């Protein structure tokens, strides 16, 4: 079950500049564990995509370099937070049973800024390897300008330093964490996390009981081999609720923490609204 994501390691944290954009599509994630497994398989085969300084995709990812000194680098390097002044202090918030937005996995919580995630990573000793996935994007304003340019004859010109979009890292025991960030006007915020770990001599029942002790009684599933999940509601399919899923087998566990499908849709709507504002201020109106 322990996955390794192979990705190219290219040039670091380059300045991203707006050019004409191609249409964006909203992301969605199914709510079943079959889709969860499928998502992890896709991550396992994915590669980081590079983008030129005039990237055309509305959320184009820019692959950042890894350290020349070896196979261990900062999970969140200074280069991707130097121009992102935002920060959070969610680590101090208590975990509340059945309130998934308060849950943490190895200290990482939904809504964390890259800067706080970096502090957690250093404490938990998570580091990138030379072939780890590491992707960045432009700021909220730059990505909104990409969308605005689809409506304009003369493009809005914007440039920005890269901000963190997705990163994979490992602790000294080989446990793997993958985190993804969603762009907010205030900066990127952690919105998805997957964690793969060995049971390290424990049993599936012990692992399930440990999850219940930490997060409360599961919304679905029982301690032991198989699936467990936690949501803020008891509905089987709830696109608005953050969720924690666990897949436990004989020797490993996979945890999947997700802010929700509706959250990502709303974040994209905010970006679209900003794009409309930019287009209205730049455009000269219809000519015929």
Protein backbone atom coordinates (compact mmCIF):
# COMPACT_ATOMS: atom_id res chain seq x y z
CA UNK A 1 0.00 0.00 0.00
CA UNK A 2 2.91 2.29 0.62
CA UNK A 3 3.06 4.52 -2.48
CA UNK A 4 5.96 6.26 -4.13
CA UNK A 5 5.21 9.16 -6.43
CA UNK A 6 7.79 9.69 -9.16
CA UNK A 7 8.12 13.25 -10.42
CA UNK A 8 10.61 15.30 -12.38
CA UNK A 9 12.71 17.83 -10.48
CA UNK A 10 13.12 21.06 -12.48
CA UNK A 11 13.93 24.78 -11.95
CA UNK A 12 12.82 26.42 -8.69
CA UNK A 13 10.13 28.95 -7.74
CA UNK A 14 10.30 30.94 -10.95
CA UNK A 15 8.27 34.08 -11.51
CA UNK A 16 4.96 33.22 -13.20
CA UNK A 17 3.53 35.64 -15.75
CA UNK A 18 0.02 35.77 -17.18
CA UNK A 19 -0.61 35.07 -20.84
CA UNK A 20 -3.79 34.12 -22.69
CA UNK A 21 -5.57 31.41 -20.76
CA UNK A 22 -7.38 28.23 -21.66
CA UNK A 23 -10.70 27.38 -20.00
CA UNK A 24 -10.49 25.99 -16.49
CA UNK A 25 -12.35 23.04 -15.15
CA UNK A 26 -13.44 22.63 -11.53
CA UNK A 27 -12.03 19.73 -9.57
CA UNK A 28 -14.26 17.16 -7.95
CA UNK A 29 -13.71 14.11 -5.81
CA UNK A 30 -16.16 11.27 -5.30
CA UNK A 31 -17.12 10.28 -1.84
CA UNK A 32 -16.65 6.53 -1.98
CA UNK A 33 -13.59 4.57 -0.93
CA UNK A 34 -13.33 3.01 -4.37
CA UNK A 35 -12.72 6.52 -5.69
CA UNK A 36 -10.35 7.13 -2.80
CA UNK A 37 -8.27 4.13 -3.85
CA UNK A 38 -8.43 5.28 -7.47
CA UNK A 39 -7.21 8.74 -6.47
CA UNK A 40 -4.22 7.31 -4.65
CA UNK A 41 -3.38 5.08 -7.61
CA UNK A 42 -3.45 8.12 -9.86
CA UNK A 43 -1.21 10.01 -7.46
CA UNK A 44 1.13 7.08 -7.46
CA UNK A 45 1.59 7.35 -11.20
CA UNK A 46 1.50 11.13 -11.49
CA UNK A 47 4.31 13.43 -12.50
CA UNK A 48 4.92 17.04 -11.65
CA UNK A 49 4.18 19.28 -14.60
CA UNK A 50 6.51 22.06 -15.53
CA UNK A 51 5.26 25.39 -16.85
CA UNK A 52 7.00 28.24 -18.61
CA UNK A 53 6.90 31.82 -17.24
CA UNK A 54 4.08 32.45 -19.74
CA UNK A 55 2.00 29.42 -18.78
CA UNK A 56 -1.42 29.31 -20.41
CA UNK A 57 -3.32 27.00 -18.04
CA UNK A 58 -5.41 28.89 -15.44
CA UNK A 59 -3.87 26.89 -12.60
CA UNK A 60 -0.61 25.90 -14.26
CA UNK A 61 1.85 24.21 -11.93
CA UNK A 62 5.50 25.14 -11.82
CA UNK A 63 7.83 22.41 -10.63
CA UNK A 64 10.39 23.60 -8.10
CA UNK A 65 13.93 22.40 -7.71
CA UNK A 66 15.23 20.08 -5.05
CA UNK A 67 18.38 20.73 -3.10
CA UNK A 68 21.63 19.95 -4.89
CA UNK A 69 23.13 18.61 -1.68
CA UNK A 70 21.24 15.30 -1.63
CA UNK A 71 17.89 13.57 -1.39
CA UNK A 72 16.47 15.43 1.63
CA UNK A 73 15.09 18.99 1.38
CA UNK A 74 12.68 21.18 3.26
CA UNK A 75 9.09 20.08 2.67
CA UNK A 76 8.09 23.75 2.37
CA UNK A 77 11.15 25.73 1.23
CA UNK A 78 11.51 29.42 1.95
CA UNK A 79 11.30 30.24 -1.76
CA UNK A 80 7.55 29.53 -1.90
CA UNK A 81 6.58 31.50 1.20
CA UNK A 82 8.85 34.52 0.89
CA UNK A 83 6.16 36.37 -1.12
CA UNK A 84 3.23 34.83 0.75
CA UNK A 85 2.84 36.82 3.99
CA UNK A 86 -0.18 34.82 5.14
CA UNK A 87 0.04 32.49 8.10
CA UNK A 88 -2.24 30.45 10.35
CA UNK A 89 -2.15 29.17 13.93
CA UNK A 90 -4.42 26.14 13.62
CA UNK A 91 -2.04 23.83 15.44
CA UNK A 92 -3.19 25.37 18.72
CA UNK A 93 -6.86 24.50 18.12
CA UNK A 94 -8.15 21.43 19.96
CA UNK A 95 -9.34 18.30 18.15
CA UNK A 96 -13.09 17.89 18.66
CA UNK A 97 -14.78 14.49 18.15
CA UNK A 98 -16.77 14.29 14.90
CA UNK A 99 -15.69 17.81 13.89
CA UNK A 100 -13.44 16.96 10.97
CA UNK A 101 -12.29 20.54 10.39
CA UNK A 102 -10.46 20.29 13.73
CA UNK A 103 -8.73 16.96 12.97
CA UNK A 104 -5.04 16.70 12.32
CA UNK A 105 -2.88 14.01 10.76
CA UNK A 106 0.68 14.15 12.10
CA UNK A 107 -0.04 17.76 13.04
CA UNK A 108 -1.27 18.88 9.61
CA UNK A 109 -4.77 20.41 9.56
CA UNK A 110 -7.17 21.57 6.89
CA UNK A 111 -6.89 25.31 6.31
CA UNK A 112 -3.22 25.60 7.25
CA UNK A 113 -1.02 28.02 5.34
CA UNK A 114 2.13 26.67 3.65
CA UNK A 115 4.15 28.53 6.28
CA UNK A 116 2.49 26.70 9.18
CA UNK A 117 2.60 23.40 7.29
CA UNK A 118 6.34 23.95 6.95
CA UNK A 119 6.71 24.37 10.70
CA UNK A 120 4.79 21.13 11.29
CA UNK A 121 6.93 19.34 8.71
CA UNK A 122 10.14 20.39 10.42
CA UNK A 123 8.82 19.28 13.81
CA UNK A 124 7.68 15.91 12.45
CA UNK A 125 10.87 15.56 10.38
CA UNK A 126 9.16 15.31 7.00
CA UNK A 127 11.54 15.97 4.12
CA UNK A 128 11.35 15.87 0.36
CA UNK A 129 13.43 13.45 -1.66
CA UNK A 130 15.07 14.22 -4.98
CA UNK A 131 12.14 12.65 -6.89
CA UNK A 132 9.28 13.88 -4.68
CA UNK A 133 6.29 15.66 -6.19
CA UNK A 134 6.61 19.42 -5.72
CA UNK A 135 4.28 21.77 -7.60
CA UNK A 136 3.60 25.48 -7.39
CA UNK A 137 1.14 27.92 -8.88
CA UNK A 138 0.70 31.67 -9.21
CA UNK A 139 -1.03 33.83 -6.62
CA UNK A 140 -4.82 34.18 -6.44
CA UNK A 141 -4.57 37.46 -8.35
CA UNK A 142 -2.44 35.97 -11.11
CA UNK A 143 -4.71 32.97 -11.58
CA UNK A 144 -7.77 35.25 -11.62
CA UNK A 145 -6.03 37.30 -14.34
CA UNK A 146 -5.55 34.13 -16.38
CA UNK A 147 -9.30 33.59 -16.30
CA UNK A 148 -10.01 37.25 -17.08
CA UNK A 149 -7.85 37.07 -20.19
CA UNK A 150 -10.23 34.58 -21.76
CA UNK A 151 -12.76 37.44 -22.03
CA UNK A 152 -10.44 40.18 -23.27
CA UNK A 153 -8.87 41.32 -26.54
CA UNK A 154 -5.94 42.84 -24.67
CA UNK A 155 -4.62 40.67 -21.84
CA UNK A 156 -4.37 41.75 -18.24
CA UNK A 157 -0.70 41.72 -17.35
CA UNK A 158 0.13 40.12 -14.04
CA UNK A 159 3.16 38.35 -12.64
CA UNK A 160 3.89 36.73 -9.32
CA UNK A 161 6.27 34.53 -7.45
CA UNK A 162 5.26 30.90 -7.23
CA UNK A 163 3.15 29.63 -4.35
CA UNK A 164 2.88 26.08 -3.10
CA UNK A 165 0.25 23.86 -4.71
CA UNK A 166 1.21 20.25 -3.94
CA UNK A 167 4.07 18.54 -2.11
CA UNK A 168 5.07 15.03 -1.08
CA UNK A 169 7.43 14.22 1.79
CA UNK A 170 8.64 11.37 3.99
CA UNK A 171 9.66 11.03 7.63
CA UNK A 172 12.75 9.03 8.70
CA UNK A 173 10.64 5.86 9.09
CA UNK A 174 9.43 6.10 5.48
CA UNK A 175 5.88 7.22 6.28
CA UNK A 176 4.58 9.35 3.43
CA UNK A 177 2.46 12.50 3.42
CA UNK A 178 1.01 14.32 0.42
CA UNK A 179 -0.61 17.72 0.89
CA UNK A 180 -2.47 19.94 -1.57
CA UNK A 181 -3.36 23.62 -1.23
CA UNK A 182 -6.27 25.63 -2.64
CA UNK A 183 -5.82 29.29 -3.54
CA UNK A 184 -7.71 31.77 -1.37
CA UNK A 185 -7.52 35.57 -1.70
CA UNK A 186 -5.46 35.52 1.51
CA UNK A 187 -3.09 32.82 0.22
CA UNK A 188 -2.93 29.05 -0.32
CA UNK A 189 -4.71 26.87 2.26
CA UNK A 190 -4.28 23.15 2.87
CA UNK A 191 -7.35 21.39 1.45
CA UNK A 192 -6.34 17.75 0.91
CA UNK A 193 -3.98 15.34 2.61
CA UNK A 194 -3.10 11.68 2.18
CA UNK A 195 -0.94 9.79 4.62
CA UNK A 196 0.49 6.29 4.21
CA UNK A 197 2.11 4.50 7.13
CA UNK A 198 3.07 1.02 8.27
CA UNK A 199 1.27 -0.47 11.27
CA UNK A 200 4.78 -1.21 12.55
CA UNK A 201 3.86 -4.37 14.43
CA UNK A 202 0.35 -3.31 15.42
CA UNK A 203 -2.87 -4.96 14.29
CA UNK A 204 -5.67 -3.46 12.16
CA UNK A 205 -8.01 -3.52 15.17
CA UNK A 206 -5.47 -1.65 17.27
CA UNK A 207 -5.06 0.92 14.52
CA UNK A 208 -8.83 1.39 14.24
CA UNK A 209 -9.20 1.76 18.00
CA UNK A 210 -6.44 4.36 18.03
CA UNK A 211 -8.32 6.36 15.39
CA UNK A 212 -11.54 6.21 17.43
CA UNK A 213 -9.69 7.35 20.54
CA UNK A 214 -8.27 10.34 18.65
CA UNK A 215 -11.19 11.37 16.43
CA UNK A 216 -14.27 9.88 18.08
CA UNK A 217 -16.59 7.12 16.89
CA UNK A 218 -16.50 6.79 13.12
CA UNK A 219 -19.47 7.87 11.01
CA UNK A 220 -19.08 4.63 9.07
CA UNK A 221 -17.03 1.47 9.58
CA UNK A 222 -15.60 -0.36 12.57
CA UNK A 223 -12.02 -0.77 13.89
CA UNK A 224 -10.23 -3.47 11.96
CA UNK A 225 -9.34 -4.29 8.36
CA UNK A 226 -11.35 -2.29 5.84
CA UNK A 227 -12.78 1.21 5.71
CA UNK A 228 -13.65 3.82 8.32
CA UNK A 229 -14.81 7.39 7.77
CA UNK A 230 -15.64 10.52 9.74
CA UNK A 231 -17.91 13.37 8.64
CA UNK A 232 -19.75 16.17 10.35
CA UNK A 233 -23.05 14.74 9.16
CA UNK A 234 -24.47 11.22 8.97
CA UNK A 235 -25.44 11.52 5.30
CA UNK A 236 -23.81 8.90 3.10
CA UNK A 237 -23.02 11.46 0.39
CA UNK A 238 -22.30 14.94 1.65
CA UNK A 239 -20.34 17.21 -0.67
CA UNK A 240 -20.28 20.08 1.84
CA UNK A 241 -18.73 18.31 4.81
CA UNK A 242 -15.00 17.84 5.32
CA UNK A 243 -14.13 14.18 5.70
CA UNK A 244 -11.49 11.84 7.05
CA UNK A 245 -11.22 8.37 5.53
CA UNK A 246 -9.10 5.45 6.65
CA UNK A 247 -8.23 2.28 4.75
CA UNK A 248 -6.59 -0.31 6.99
CA UNK A 249 -5.07 -3.58 5.85
CA UNK A 250 -2.90 -6.18 7.57
CA UNK A 251 0.28 -4.12 7.69
CA UNK A 252 -0.47 -0.52 6.70
CA UNK A 253 -2.94 2.33 6.91
CA UNK A 254 -3.92 5.09 4.53
CA UNK A 255 -5.61 8.25 5.81
CA UNK A 256 -7.33 10.73 3.54
CA UNK A 257 -8.32 14.17 4.88
CA UNK A 258 -10.38 16.36 2.53
CA UNK A 259 -11.88 19.82 2.92
CA UNK A 260 -14.88 18.92 0.66
CA UNK A 261 -15.96 19.18 -2.95
CA UNK A 262 -18.15 22.21 -2.23
CA UNK A 263 -15.20 24.04 -0.66
CA UNK A 264 -13.13 23.72 -3.83
CA UNK A 265 -16.06 24.77 -5.99
CA UNK A 266 -16.64 27.85 -3.85
CA UNK A 267 -12.94 28.73 -3.96
CA UNK A 268 -13.04 28.56 -7.74
CA UNK A 269 -16.19 30.71 -7.83
CA UNK A 270 -14.38 33.37 -5.82
CA UNK A 271 -11.58 33.32 -8.35
CA UNK A 272 -14.08 33.56 -11.22
CA UNK A 273 -15.74 36.55 -9.53
CA UNK A 274 -12.39 38.30 -9.27
CA UNK A 275 -11.70 37.49 -12.93
CA UNK A 276 -14.97 39.20 -13.89
CA UNK A 277 -13.90 42.31 -11.96
CA UNK A 278 -10.53 42.39 -13.70
CA UNK A 279 -12.07 41.89 -17.14
CA UNK A 280 -14.61 44.66 -16.55
CA UNK A 281 -11.91 47.12 -15.49
CA UNK A 282 -9.61 46.30 -18.42
CA UNK A 283 -11.97 45.69 -21.32
CA UNK A 284 -13.12 48.30 -23.81
CA UNK A 285 -16.56 46.86 -24.44
CA UNK A 286 -18.10 45.06 -27.39
CA UNK A 287 -17.33 46.37 -30.88
CA UNK A 288 -19.52 45.52 -33.89
